[in-house]
C-alpha atoms as a PDB file:
ATOM      1  CA  MET A   1      59.656  58.438 -75.087  1.00  0.00           C
ATOM      2  CA  SER A   2      59.364  55.587 -72.619  1.00  0.00           C
ATOM      3  CA  THR A   3      56.730  55.913 -69.914  1.00  0.00           C
ATOM      4  CA  HIS A   4      56.819  54.535 -66.398  1.00  0.00           C
ATOM      5  CA  ALA A   5      54.182  51.939 -67.282  1.00  0.00           C
ATOM      6  CA  LYS A   6      56.040  50.797 -70.387  1.00  0.00           C
ATOM      7  CA  ARG A   7      59.311  50.487 -68.488  1.00  0.00           C
ATOM      8  CA  GLU A   8      57.704  48.494 -65.678  1.00  0.00           C
ATOM      9  CA  ARG A   9      55.906  46.294 -68.214  1.00  0.00           C
ATOM     10  CA  LEU A  10      59.195  45.298 -69.860  1.00  0.00           C
ATOM     11  CA  LEU A  11      60.874  44.781 -66.499  1.00  0.00           C
ATOM     12  CA  LEU A  12      58.006  42.546 -65.363  1.00  0.00           C
ATOM     13  CA  ALA A  13      58.263  40.498 -68.552  1.00  0.00           C
ATOM     14  CA  ASP A  14      62.020  40.116 -68.100  1.00  0.00           C
ATOM     15  CA  LEU A  15      61.633  39.053 -64.465  1.00  0.00           C
ATOM     16  CA  LEU A  16      58.934  36.518 -65.298  1.00  0.00           C
ATOM     17  CA  GLU A  17      61.037  35.107 -68.118  1.00  0.00           C
ATOM     18  CA  ALA A  18      64.146  34.814 -65.945  1.00  0.00           C
ATOM     19  CA  ALA A  19      62.219  33.201 -63.072  1.00  0.00           C
ATOM     20  CA  GLY A  20      60.542  30.559 -65.230  1.00  0.00           C
ATOM     21  CA  PRO A  21      56.914  29.390 -65.063  1.00  0.00           C
ATOM     22  CA  ASP A  22      56.941  27.668 -61.676  1.00  0.00           C
ATOM     23  CA  ALA A  23      58.670  30.190 -59.419  1.00  0.00           C
ATOM     24  CA  PRO A  24      56.968  31.571 -56.290  1.00  0.00           C
ATOM     25  CA  THR A  25      55.486  35.066 -56.113  1.00  0.00           C
ATOM     26  CA  LEU A  26      54.170  37.253 -53.302  1.00  0.00           C
ATOM     27  CA  CYS A  27      50.626  36.661 -54.577  1.00  0.00           C
ATOM     28  CA  GLU A  28      49.257  33.949 -52.314  1.00  0.00           C
ATOM     29  CA  GLY A  29      48.647  30.731 -54.233  1.00  0.00           C
ATOM     30  CA  TRP A  30      50.146  32.030 -57.492  1.00  0.00           C
ATOM     31  CA  LEU A  31      53.246  30.839 -59.268  1.00  0.00           C
ATOM     32  CA  THR A  32      54.820  33.005 -61.952  1.00  0.00           C
ATOM     33  CA  ARG A  33      52.676  31.366 -64.660  1.00  0.00           C
ATOM     34  CA  ASP A  34      49.535  32.384 -62.726  1.00  0.00           C
ATOM     35  CA  LEU A  35      50.765  35.953 -62.361  1.00  0.00           C
ATOM     36  CA  ALA A  36      51.581  36.123 -66.068  1.00  0.00           C
ATOM     37  CA  ALA A  37      48.116  34.810 -66.910  1.00  0.00           C
ATOM     38  CA  HIS A  38      46.550  37.437 -64.630  1.00  0.00           C
ATOM     39  CA  VAL A  39      48.347  40.262 -66.428  1.00  0.00           C
ATOM     40  CA  VAL A  40      47.343  38.984 -69.871  1.00  0.00           C
ATOM     41  CA  VAL A  41      43.690  38.405 -68.915  1.00  0.00           C
ATOM     42  CA  ARG A  42      43.473  41.861 -67.343  1.00  0.00           C
ATOM     43  CA  GLU A  43      44.501  43.484 -70.645  1.00  0.00           C
ATOM     44  CA  ARG A  44      42.973  41.140 -73.213  1.00  0.00           C
ATOM     45  CA  ARG A  45      39.795  39.753 -71.614  1.00  0.00           C
ATOM     46  CA  PRO A  46      37.879  42.633 -70.014  1.00  0.00           C
ATOM     47  CA  ASP A  47      34.778  40.425 -69.899  1.00  0.00           C
ATOM     48  CA  ALA A  48      36.601  38.192 -67.422  1.00  0.00           C
ATOM     49  CA  ALA A  49      38.828  40.785 -65.760  1.00  0.00           C
ATOM     50  CA  ALA A  50      35.739  42.519 -64.395  1.00  0.00           C
ATOM     51  CA  GLY A  51      35.607  39.680 -61.880  1.00  0.00           C
ATOM     52  CA  THR A  52      38.381  41.424 -59.962  1.00  0.00           C
ATOM     53  CA  LEU A  53      35.844  44.014 -58.824  1.00  0.00           C
ATOM     54  CA  VAL A  54      32.488  42.265 -59.338  1.00  0.00           C
ATOM     55  CA  PRO A  55      32.038  39.247 -57.031  1.00  0.00           C
ATOM     56  CA  ALA A  56      29.380  37.713 -59.270  1.00  0.00           C
ATOM     57  CA  LEU A  57      31.954  37.445 -62.077  1.00  0.00           C
ATOM     58  CA  LYS A  58      34.754  36.007 -59.925  1.00  0.00           C
ATOM     59  CA  ALA A  59      34.124  32.400 -61.011  1.00  0.00           C
ATOM     60  CA  ARG A  60      34.357  33.398 -64.676  1.00  0.00           C
ATOM     61  CA  LEU A  61      37.604  35.249 -64.025  1.00  0.00           C
ATOM     62  CA  ASP A  62      39.097  32.250 -62.245  1.00  0.00           C
ATOM     63  CA  ARG A  63      38.108  29.932 -65.094  1.00  0.00           C
ATOM     64  CA  VAL A  64      39.495  32.153 -67.847  1.00  0.00           C
ATOM     65  CA  GLN A  65      42.693  32.856 -65.944  1.00  0.00           C
ATOM     66  CA  ALA A  66      43.232  29.134 -65.367  1.00  0.00           C
ATOM     67  CA  GLU A  67      42.818  28.562 -69.101  1.00  0.00           C
ATOM     68  CA  PHE A  68      45.437  31.186 -69.888  1.00  0.00           C
ATOM     69  CA  ALA A  69      47.807  29.746 -67.283  1.00  0.00           C
ATOM     70  CA  GLU A  70      47.777  26.511 -69.309  1.00  0.00           C
ATOM     71  CA  LYS A  71      49.094  28.292 -72.401  1.00  0.00           C
ATOM     72  CA  PRO A  72      52.800  28.071 -73.246  1.00  0.00           C
ATOM     73  CA  TYR A  73      54.640  30.299 -70.791  1.00  0.00           C
ATOM     74  CA  GLU A  74      56.703  31.913 -73.553  1.00  0.00           C
ATOM     75  CA  GLU A  75      53.470  32.960 -75.261  1.00  0.00           C
ATOM     76  CA  LEU A  76      52.234  34.693 -72.102  1.00  0.00           C
ATOM     77  CA  ILE A  77      55.532  36.545 -71.718  1.00  0.00           C
ATOM     78  CA  GLN A  78      55.357  37.731 -75.324  1.00  0.00           C
ATOM     79  CA  LEU A  79      51.772  38.936 -74.879  1.00  0.00           C
ATOM     80  CA  ILE A  80      52.868  40.969 -71.847  1.00  0.00           C
ATOM     81  CA  ARG A  81      55.787  42.487 -73.766  1.00  0.00           C
ATOM     82  CA  THR A  82      53.738  43.418 -76.819  1.00  0.00           C
ATOM     83  CA  GLY A  83      50.996  44.948 -74.728  1.00  0.00           C
ATOM     84  CA  PRO A  84      47.227  45.147 -75.164  1.00  0.00           C
ATOM     85  CA  PRO A  85      45.371  44.691 -78.479  1.00  0.00           C
ATOM     86  CA  ARG A  86      44.977  47.699 -80.747  1.00  0.00           C
ATOM     87  CA  MET A  87      41.437  48.645 -79.711  1.00  0.00           C
ATOM     88  CA  SER A  88      42.103  48.391 -75.973  1.00  0.00           C
ATOM     89  CA  PRO A  89      41.878  51.596 -73.901  1.00  0.00           C
ATOM     90  CA  PHE A  90      45.243  50.574 -72.421  1.00  0.00           C
ATOM     91  CA  THR A  91      46.853  51.624 -75.717  1.00  0.00           C
ATOM     92  CA  ILE A  92      46.127  55.253 -74.814  1.00  0.00           C
ATOM     93  CA  LYS A  93      49.215  56.632 -73.087  1.00  0.00           C
ATOM     94  CA  GLN A  94      47.330  58.417 -70.304  1.00  0.00           C
ATOM     95  CA  VAL A  95      45.211  55.343 -69.540  1.00  0.00           C
ATOM     96  CA  ASP A  96      48.260  53.090 -69.622  1.00  0.00           C
ATOM     97  CA  GLU A  97      50.150  55.330 -67.201  1.00  0.00           C
ATOM     98  CA  GLY A  98      47.207  55.724 -64.867  1.00  0.00           C
ATOM     99  CA  ALA A  99      46.172  52.068 -64.789  1.00  0.00           C
ATOM    100  CA  ASN A 100      49.440  50.207 -65.243  1.00  0.00           C
ATOM    101  CA  THR A 101      52.303  52.088 -63.603  1.00  0.00           C
ATOM    102  CA  VAL A 102      51.542  50.825 -60.105  1.00  0.00           C
ATOM    103  CA  GLU A 103      50.090  47.518 -61.335  1.00  0.00           C
ATOM    104  CA  PHE A 104      53.288  46.539 -63.120  1.00  0.00           C
ATOM    105  CA  TYR A 105      55.565  47.911 -60.404  1.00  0.00           C
ATOM    106  CA  VAL A 106      53.835  45.863 -57.710  1.00  0.00           C
ATOM    107  CA  HIS A 107      53.781  42.697 -59.798  1.00  0.00           C
ATOM    108  CA  ALA A 108      57.438  43.088 -60.766  1.00  0.00           C
ATOM    109  CA  GLU A 109      58.209  43.309 -57.066  1.00  0.00           C
ATOM    110  CA  ASP A 110      55.947  40.301 -56.452  1.00  0.00           C
ATOM    111  CA  VAL A 111      58.381  38.300 -58.566  1.00  0.00           C
ATOM    112  CA  ARG A 112      61.583  39.888 -57.260  1.00  0.00           C
ATOM    113  CA  ARG A 113      60.740  39.802 -53.554  1.00  0.00           C
ATOM    114  CA  ALA A 114      59.614  36.184 -53.565  1.00  0.00           C
ATOM    115  CA  GLN A 115      63.262  35.238 -54.130  1.00  0.00           C
ATOM    116  CA  PRO A 116      65.420  34.651 -51.021  1.00  0.00           C
ATOM    117  CA  ASP A 117      68.261  36.917 -52.177  1.00  0.00           C
ATOM    118  CA  TRP A 118      66.235  39.972 -53.220  1.00  0.00           C
ATOM    119  CA  SER A 119      67.284  43.513 -52.380  1.00  0.00           C
ATOM    120  CA  PRO A 120      65.324  46.778 -52.724  1.00  0.00           C
ATOM    121  CA  ARG A 121      65.448  48.563 -56.055  1.00  0.00           C
ATOM    122  CA  GLU A 122      66.835  52.082 -56.040  1.00  0.00           C
ATOM    123  CA  LEU A 123      64.113  54.044 -57.791  1.00  0.00           C
ATOM    124  CA  ASP A 124      64.875  57.296 -59.565  1.00  0.00           C
ATOM    125  CA  PRO A 125      63.337  60.414 -57.981  1.00  0.00           C
ATOM    126  CA  VAL A 126      60.912  61.024 -60.845  1.00  0.00           C
ATOM    127  CA  PHE A 127      59.466  57.526 -60.580  1.00  0.00           C
ATOM    128  CA  SER A 128      59.331  57.759 -56.781  1.00  0.00           C
ATOM    129  CA  ASP A 129      57.328  60.978 -57.111  1.00  0.00           C
ATOM    130  CA  ALA A 130      55.017  59.309 -59.614  1.00  0.00           C
ATOM    131  CA  LEU A 131      54.352  56.465 -57.175  1.00  0.00           C
ATOM    132  CA  TRP A 132      53.764  58.923 -54.348  1.00  0.00           C
ATOM    133  CA  ASN A 133      51.283  60.928 -56.434  1.00  0.00           C
ATOM    134  CA  ARG A 134      49.307  57.763 -57.063  1.00  0.00           C
ATOM    135  CA  LEU A 135      49.463  56.845 -53.385  1.00  0.00           C
ATOM    136  CA  GLU A 136      48.077  60.242 -52.419  1.00  0.00           C
ATOM    137  CA  LYS A 137      45.173  59.826 -54.840  1.00  0.00           C
ATOM    138  CA  GLY A 138      44.415  56.206 -53.992  1.00  0.00           C
ATOM    139  CA  ALA A 139      45.330  55.991 -50.306  1.00  0.00           C
ATOM    140  CA  ARG A 140      41.751  56.205 -49.002  1.00  0.00           C
ATOM    141  CA  LEU A 141      40.600  53.429 -51.349  1.00  0.00           C
ATOM    142  CA  LEU A 142      43.537  51.134 -50.628  1.00  0.00           C
ATOM    143  CA  GLY A 143      43.413  51.707 -46.885  1.00  0.00           C
ATOM    144  CA  ARG A 144      39.637  51.824 -46.443  1.00  0.00           C
ATOM    145  CA  LYS A 145      39.534  48.491 -44.561  1.00  0.00           C
ATOM    146  CA  ALA A 146      42.568  49.077 -42.366  1.00  0.00           C
ATOM    147  CA  PRO A 147      41.838  47.968 -38.791  1.00  0.00           C
ATOM    148  CA  VAL A 148      43.396  51.140 -37.348  1.00  0.00           C
ATOM    149  CA  GLY A 149      44.025  54.738 -38.345  1.00  0.00           C
ATOM    150  CA  LEU A 150      46.713  54.760 -41.046  1.00  0.00           C
ATOM    151  CA  VAL A 151      49.043  57.563 -42.132  1.00  0.00           C
ATOM    152  CA  LEU A 152      51.733  57.229 -44.793  1.00  0.00           C
ATOM    153  CA  ARG A 153      54.917  59.279 -44.522  1.00  0.00           C
ATOM    154  CA  ARG A 154      57.780  59.522 -47.012  1.00  0.00           C
ATOM    155  CA  PRO A 155      61.328  60.588 -45.997  1.00  0.00           C
ATOM    156  CA  ASN A 156      60.829  64.213 -47.109  1.00  0.00           C
ATOM    157  CA  GLY A 157      57.988  64.596 -44.600  1.00  0.00           C
ATOM    158  CA  GLN A 158      55.041  64.435 -47.005  1.00  0.00           C
ATOM    159  CA  THR A 159      52.111  62.507 -45.552  1.00  0.00           C
ATOM    160  CA  ALA A 160      48.876  60.991 -46.772  1.00  0.00           C
ATOM    161  CA  VAL A 161      45.969  59.721 -44.685  1.00  0.00           C
ATOM    162  CA  ALA A 162      44.927  56.260 -45.821  1.00  0.00           C
ATOM    163  CA  HIS A 163      42.368  55.608 -43.079  1.00  0.00           C
ATOM    164  CA  ARG A 164      40.869  57.772 -40.364  1.00  0.00           C
ATOM    165  CA  GLY A 165      40.478  56.215 -36.958  1.00  0.00           C
ATOM    166  CA  THR A 166      42.170  55.540 -33.643  1.00  0.00           C
ATOM    167  CA  PRO A 167      44.650  54.413 -32.617  1.00  0.00           C
ATOM    168  CA  VAL A 168      46.813  55.730 -35.441  1.00  0.00           C
ATOM    169  CA  VAL A 169      49.802  53.966 -36.977  1.00  0.00           C
ATOM    170  CA  THR A 170      52.231  55.940 -39.126  1.00  0.00           C
ATOM    171  CA  VAL A 171      54.010  53.936 -41.804  1.00  0.00           C
ATOM    172  CA  SER A 172      57.236  55.574 -42.995  1.00  0.00           C
ATOM    173  CA  GLY A 173      59.302  54.672 -46.022  1.00  0.00           C
ATOM    174  CA  GLU A 174      60.137  55.409 -49.628  1.00  0.00           C
ATOM    175  CA  PRO A 175      57.126  55.645 -51.980  1.00  0.00           C
ATOM    176  CA  GLY A 176      57.919  52.278 -53.561  1.00  0.00           C
ATOM    177  CA  GLU A 177      57.951  50.588 -50.173  1.00  0.00           C
ATOM    178  CA  LEU A 178      54.789  52.355 -49.033  1.00  0.00           C
ATOM    179  CA  THR A 179      53.133  51.184 -52.253  1.00  0.00           C
ATOM    180  CA  MET A 180      53.993  47.581 -51.493  1.00  0.00           C
ATOM    181  CA  PHE A 181      52.716  47.952 -47.928  1.00  0.00           C
ATOM    182  CA  LEU A 182      49.424  49.532 -48.917  1.00  0.00           C
ATOM    183  CA  PHE A 183      48.863  46.854 -51.563  1.00  0.00           C
ATOM    184  CA  GLY A 184      48.935  44.192 -48.847  1.00  0.00           C
ATOM    185  CA  ARG A 185      52.582  43.127 -49.109  1.00  0.00           C
ATOM    186  CA  GLN A 186      53.404  44.178 -45.539  1.00  0.00           C
ATOM    187  CA  ASP A 187      55.934  41.426 -44.884  1.00  0.00           C
ATOM    188  CA  ALA A 188      57.987  42.383 -47.951  1.00  0.00           C
ATOM    189  CA  ALA A 189      57.900  46.174 -47.520  1.00  0.00           C
ATOM    190  CA  LYS A 190      60.913  48.008 -46.072  1.00  0.00           C
ATOM    191  CA  VAL A 191      59.038  50.438 -43.839  1.00  0.00           C
ATOM    192  CA  GLU A 192      58.913  51.571 -40.222  1.00  0.00           C
ATOM    193  CA  LEU A 193      55.668  51.463 -38.234  1.00  0.00           C
ATOM    194  CA  ASP A 194      55.094  53.888 -35.389  1.00  0.00           C
ATOM    195  CA  GLY A 195      52.176  53.579 -32.989  1.00  0.00           C
ATOM    196  CA  GLU A 196      50.786  51.525 -30.145  1.00  0.00           C
ATOM    197  CA  GLN A 197      52.252  48.012 -30.275  1.00  0.00           C
ATOM    198  CA  GLU A 198      48.892  46.271 -30.518  1.00  0.00           C
ATOM    199  CA  ALA A 199      47.782  48.601 -33.324  1.00  0.00           C
ATOM    200  CA  VAL A 200      51.060  48.069 -35.184  1.00  0.00           C
ATOM    201  CA  GLU A 201      50.622  44.300 -34.993  1.00  0.00           C
ATOM    202  CA  ARG A 202      47.018  44.472 -36.170  1.00  0.00           C
ATOM    203  CA  LEU A 203      47.988  46.596 -39.164  1.00  0.00           C
ATOM    204  CA  HIS A 204      50.981  44.446 -40.067  1.00  0.00           C
ATOM    205  CA  GLN A 205      48.816  41.328 -40.095  1.00  0.00           C
ATOM    206  CA  ALA A 206      45.792  42.905 -41.817  1.00  0.00           C
ATOM    207  CA  LYS A 207      44.579  41.057 -44.907  1.00  0.00           C
ATOM    208  CA  GLN A 208      42.245  43.820 -46.023  1.00  0.00           C
ATOM    209  CA  LEU A 209      44.741  46.313 -47.466  1.00  0.00           C
ATOM    210  CA  GLY A 210      44.667  46.932 -51.210  1.00  0.00           C
ATOM    211  CA  ILE A 211      41.913  46.774 -53.799  1.00  0.00           C
END
């Protein structure tokens, strides 16, 4: 049975392949080849990928990722499609779902939404619920550096507090759009912001959202 992570992995690979190696993405400074290299390094070079969270290892991560970005683009796409090596914890279904569902969704949208003619995907309800569940669990981490109080609200009225503080801004939208917003893609997220105008502007321009 296909999982959300596996489906998003294959979609990401297809989007990267269709876009080609030198297309823009929503990741500042990254072309599609850089994004593909990031995904491969994250799964296949944990010694370097740790630099995402450990500042002292950031230079190593940048060096290794640059090396992978120089590989043939078709090779990177194939490595994404085939998934992690056999001994990787990402081969465990529960780990893959927990670590990769949102990762691959966001990066697939990074490719899609960098194109001028993009339109929102219509996500099935089960996947939307899965994204919302992950937002609820990770909202405080992702929104910890928000410059204002931050509440997420989906159309059915469910809410999650991402950051306590005043003034408060409520961001409303579908779970997929809220995910993009909370991962720092505010300009590309189809959401509504409700709050004091100055607070709304500060939140919309904040660079600190996300991991």
